[in-house]
Protein backbone atom coordinates (compact mmCIF):
# COMPACT_ATOMS: atom_id res chain seq x y z
CA UNK A 1 86.43 98.33 96.15
CA UNK A 2 88.61 99.85 93.47
CA UNK A 3 89.83 103.17 94.87
CA UNK A 4 91.76 105.98 93.19
CA UNK A 5 94.05 107.58 95.80
CA UNK A 6 95.47 110.97 94.82
CA UNK A 7 98.46 112.34 96.72
CA UNK A 8 99.35 108.78 97.59
CA UNK A 9 103.06 109.26 98.26
CA UNK A 10 102.85 112.05 100.85
CA UNK A 11 102.70 111.61 104.61
CA UNK A 12 98.91 111.37 104.72
CA UNK A 13 98.54 109.53 101.43
CA UNK A 14 100.95 106.82 102.55
CA UNK A 15 98.97 106.23 105.75
CA UNK A 16 95.65 106.14 103.89
CA UNK A 17 97.10 103.78 101.29
CA UNK A 18 98.36 101.36 103.93
CA UNK A 19 94.97 101.32 105.69
CA UNK A 20 92.98 100.79 102.49
CA UNK A 21 95.25 97.95 101.35
CA UNK A 22 94.99 96.36 104.81
CA UNK A 23 91.21 96.44 104.35
CA UNK A 24 91.62 94.52 101.06
CA UNK A 25 90.76 97.35 98.69
CA UNK A 26 92.30 97.57 95.22
CA UNK A 27 94.07 100.94 95.37
CA UNK A 28 95.39 102.81 92.33
CA UNK A 29 97.91 105.38 93.58
CA UNK A 30 98.48 108.75 91.92
CA UNK A 31 101.10 111.41 92.65
CA UNK A 32 103.13 113.98 90.77
CA UNK A 33 106.07 111.61 91.09
CA UNK A 34 105.90 108.03 92.30
CA UNK A 35 102.76 105.97 92.72
CA UNK A 36 101.18 103.77 90.07
CA UNK A 37 100.41 106.81 87.90
CA UNK A 38 102.01 110.24 87.67
CA UNK A 39 99.64 113.17 87.17
CA UNK A 40 99.52 116.79 88.33
CA UNK A 41 95.92 117.26 89.48
CA UNK A 42 96.29 121.05 89.51
CA UNK A 43 96.00 120.76 85.71
CA UNK A 44 92.38 120.00 84.75
CA UNK A 45 93.49 118.45 81.45
CA UNK A 46 95.65 115.96 83.36
CA UNK A 47 92.73 115.14 85.66
CA UNK A 48 90.56 114.33 82.65
CA UNK A 49 93.35 112.20 81.19
CA UNK A 50 93.78 110.44 84.54
CA UNK A 51 90.19 109.24 84.50
CA UNK A 52 90.49 108.11 80.87
CA UNK A 53 93.51 106.04 81.88
CA UNK A 54 92.02 104.59 85.07
CA UNK A 55 88.46 104.01 83.87
CA UNK A 56 85.73 103.21 86.39
CA UNK A 57 86.43 103.24 90.12
CA UNK A 58 84.25 102.83 93.18
CA UNK A 59 85.77 105.73 95.09
CA UNK A 60 88.23 108.60 94.87
CA UNK A 61 90.22 109.70 97.90
CA UNK A 62 92.31 112.87 97.80
CA UNK A 63 95.20 113.48 100.16
CA UNK A 64 96.71 116.20 97.97
CA UNK A 65 96.67 119.95 98.33
CA UNK A 66 99.33 122.61 98.67
CA UNK A 67 99.01 126.15 100.00
CA UNK A 68 101.52 128.93 100.71
CA UNK A 69 102.31 129.76 104.36
CA UNK A 70 103.20 133.42 104.97
CA UNK A 71 102.12 136.25 107.24
CA UNK A 72 99.01 137.88 105.81
CA UNK A 73 100.81 141.14 105.05
CA UNK A 74 103.24 139.19 102.84
CA UNK A 75 100.64 137.12 100.98
CA UNK A 76 100.12 138.26 97.41
CA UNK A 77 97.04 137.78 95.28
CA UNK A 78 99.08 135.16 93.40
CA UNK A 79 99.62 133.31 96.70
CA UNK A 80 95.87 133.16 97.24
CA UNK A 81 95.37 132.02 93.64
CA UNK A 82 98.00 129.31 94.20
CA UNK A 83 96.16 128.15 97.32
CA UNK A 84 92.87 127.96 95.44
CA UNK A 85 94.50 126.12 92.52
CA UNK A 86 96.57 123.81 94.72
CA UNK A 87 93.89 122.72 97.16
CA UNK A 88 90.46 123.78 95.90
CA UNK A 89 90.28 123.64 92.11
CA UNK A 90 92.40 120.50 91.93
CA UNK A 91 89.90 118.66 94.12
CA UNK A 92 86.89 120.23 92.39
CA UNK A 93 88.33 118.91 89.11
CA UNK A 94 88.61 115.42 90.63
CA UNK A 95 84.90 115.53 91.37
CA UNK A 96 83.77 117.23 88.14
CA UNK A 97 85.73 114.92 85.87
CA UNK A 98 84.96 111.91 88.03
CA UNK A 99 81.17 112.13 87.91
CA UNK A 100 80.99 109.69 85.01
CA UNK A 101 83.81 107.42 86.26
CA UNK A 102 83.02 107.01 89.98
CA UNK A 103 80.24 104.73 91.20
CA UNK A 104 80.42 105.41 94.95
CA UNK A 105 82.11 108.32 96.68
CA UNK A 106 84.63 111.14 96.76
CA UNK A 107 86.66 111.96 99.87
CA UNK A 108 88.49 115.30 99.84
CA UNK A 109 91.04 116.81 102.25
CA UNK A 110 90.66 120.10 104.14
CA UNK A 111 92.09 120.94 107.56
CA UNK A 112 91.67 122.45 110.98
CA UNK A 113 92.43 125.97 109.76
CA UNK A 114 88.87 126.27 108.47
CA UNK A 115 87.69 126.51 112.09
CA UNK A 116 90.90 127.32 113.99
CA UNK A 117 93.00 129.87 112.07
CA UNK A 118 96.67 130.41 112.91
CA UNK A 119 99.27 133.06 112.10
CA UNK A 120 100.63 132.57 108.53
CA UNK A 121 97.67 130.34 107.64
CA UNK A 122 95.25 132.77 105.95
CA UNK A 123 95.64 131.21 102.49
CA UNK A 124 95.17 127.72 103.94
CA UNK A 125 92.08 128.82 105.87
CA UNK A 126 90.59 130.29 102.71
CA UNK A 127 91.27 127.13 100.69
CA UNK A 128 90.03 124.74 103.38
CA UNK A 129 86.83 126.71 103.85
CA UNK A 130 86.18 126.67 100.12
CA UNK A 131 86.64 122.89 99.93
CA UNK A 132 84.24 122.33 102.83
CA UNK A 133 81.61 124.62 101.29
CA UNK A 134 81.98 122.77 97.98
CA UNK A 135 81.51 119.39 99.67
CA UNK A 136 78.25 120.51 101.29
CA UNK A 137 76.94 121.97 98.04
CA UNK A 138 78.01 119.05 95.85
CA UNK A 139 76.43 116.52 98.21
CA UNK A 140 72.93 117.76 97.39
CA UNK A 141 73.53 117.64 93.64
CA UNK A 142 75.53 114.51 92.87
CA UNK A 143 73.39 111.91 94.66
CA UNK A 144 73.38 108.95 94.59
CA UNK A 145 77.14 109.56 94.50
CA UNK A 146 78.49 110.62 97.88
CA UNK A 147 81.06 113.24 98.85
CA UNK A 148 82.74 114.02 102.19
CA UNK A 149 85.87 115.71 103.46
CA UNK A 150 88.42 114.87 106.13
CA UNK A 151 89.57 117.86 108.20
CA UNK A 152 92.39 116.92 110.57
CA UNK A 153 94.56 119.02 112.82
CA UNK A 154 98.37 118.65 112.77
CA UNK A 155 99.56 115.05 112.59
CA UNK A 156 101.31 113.66 115.65
CA UNK A 157 103.97 112.28 113.31
CA UNK A 158 104.63 115.76 111.86
CA UNK A 159 104.93 117.74 115.11
CA UNK A 160 108.69 118.13 114.74
CA UNK A 161 108.20 120.00 111.45
CA UNK A 162 104.79 121.70 111.82
CA UNK A 163 104.04 121.73 115.54
CA UNK A 164 105.08 125.37 116.01
CA UNK A 165 102.38 126.45 113.53
CA UNK A 166 99.64 124.89 115.66
CA UNK A 167 100.23 126.11 119.22
CA UNK A 168 97.92 124.55 121.79
CA UNK A 169 96.12 122.35 119.24
CA UNK A 170 95.85 118.68 120.04
CA UNK A 171 97.62 116.63 117.36
CA UNK A 172 96.03 113.60 115.74
CA UNK A 173 97.76 110.32 114.83
CA UNK A 174 97.83 109.51 111.13
CA UNK A 175 96.08 106.22 111.89
CA UNK A 176 93.04 108.16 113.15
CA UNK A 177 92.98 110.31 110.02
CA UNK A 178 93.18 107.21 107.83
CA UNK A 179 90.16 105.81 109.70
CA UNK A 180 88.21 108.95 108.76
CA UNK A 181 88.90 108.13 105.10
CA UNK A 182 87.65 104.59 105.70
CA UNK A 183 84.48 105.98 107.29
CA UNK A 184 83.87 108.21 104.29
CA UNK A 185 84.61 105.53 101.69
CA UNK A 186 82.92 102.53 103.29
CA UNK A 187 80.13 104.37 105.09
CA UNK A 188 76.92 105.83 103.70
CA UNK A 189 77.02 109.47 104.82
CA UNK A 190 77.39 112.36 102.42
CA UNK A 191 78.09 116.07 102.80
CA UNK A 192 80.04 115.40 106.01
CA UNK A 193 83.22 117.01 107.29
CA UNK A 194 85.03 114.45 109.45
CA UNK A 195 87.29 115.93 112.12
CA UNK A 196 89.50 113.15 113.52
């Protein structure tokens, strides 16, 4: 399959890229810097231009999404808007603009904070929940195209940096998260939230 991988140079994107290449897929990598193509997917105009450049693909996989981390009393309305732009609207734009360029599926990224909130994670919880709700709604409208999301907890490989934010939560190896992407891309389910 020809797969467009967004956020391909980050920790998760790198793991997903390696797994997809190992499975003999033709992967076009996208990131703000690095990758085959450089685009900022928080800008809808750049998303539209990305698809014009890439043309038709079998699948889109997103491993991109940024949100602010602050105690709730310090979060501003702008912080919430940044979370929605950085993780929700960027991925919604990938789907909206991709409807005429994708022949198979979309796989988006959310996270454990949808179902297991933590201190300083209110903006992330809001964004993740919105992405998951969008996936379920889009699945019933875009058929025969498919759409799913991957919702991991903290990565085992990132515990040294992020472990303190996820007390008592079992970490997940990046290899397991990459397998969830494979399941979404190569499988036949739609409207699913995979929790590796």
